[in-house]
């Protein structure tokens, strides 16, 4: 399995303060791209050039399951269930980045959160799978007060 790094978009910090994201009720997705996202200027999904919709990939990407925000002892933690992407009926890719965004956000629309970088382009052949591993122990994001 390829290794990856996660990077937040700069605008996500402002979005948090403005209450753009409701991790209890909004729909979050991962969209695939082979073009490097720009953390300082990209704010919404329309800023991202997605891969072609083939092999089971549809424009807008895959809905993330198990998005959960919990607090314990003054530490809030965002966790996400691992997402399995499987090519079906053709290849998916090539892609290098998986961009996480809020599909329910309206201002900005489809607000970007961050992206996974696999370091090089990947192509999933028909029936091949990739698991996007979100570390449940550390979480995608923690906030300590």
Foldseek 3Di string as FASTA:
>chain_A
DFDKDKDWAPCLVVCVVVVQDDLVDFWKFKFFAADDDDSDPDWAPVSGDGDDCAQPADPVHGIWPDFDWDDDPQKIATATDKDKDAGAHFKDDFTFKIWMFTCPGVVVHRTTTIMIGRPHTDMHGHGRMDIRDADRVRHPDMDGD
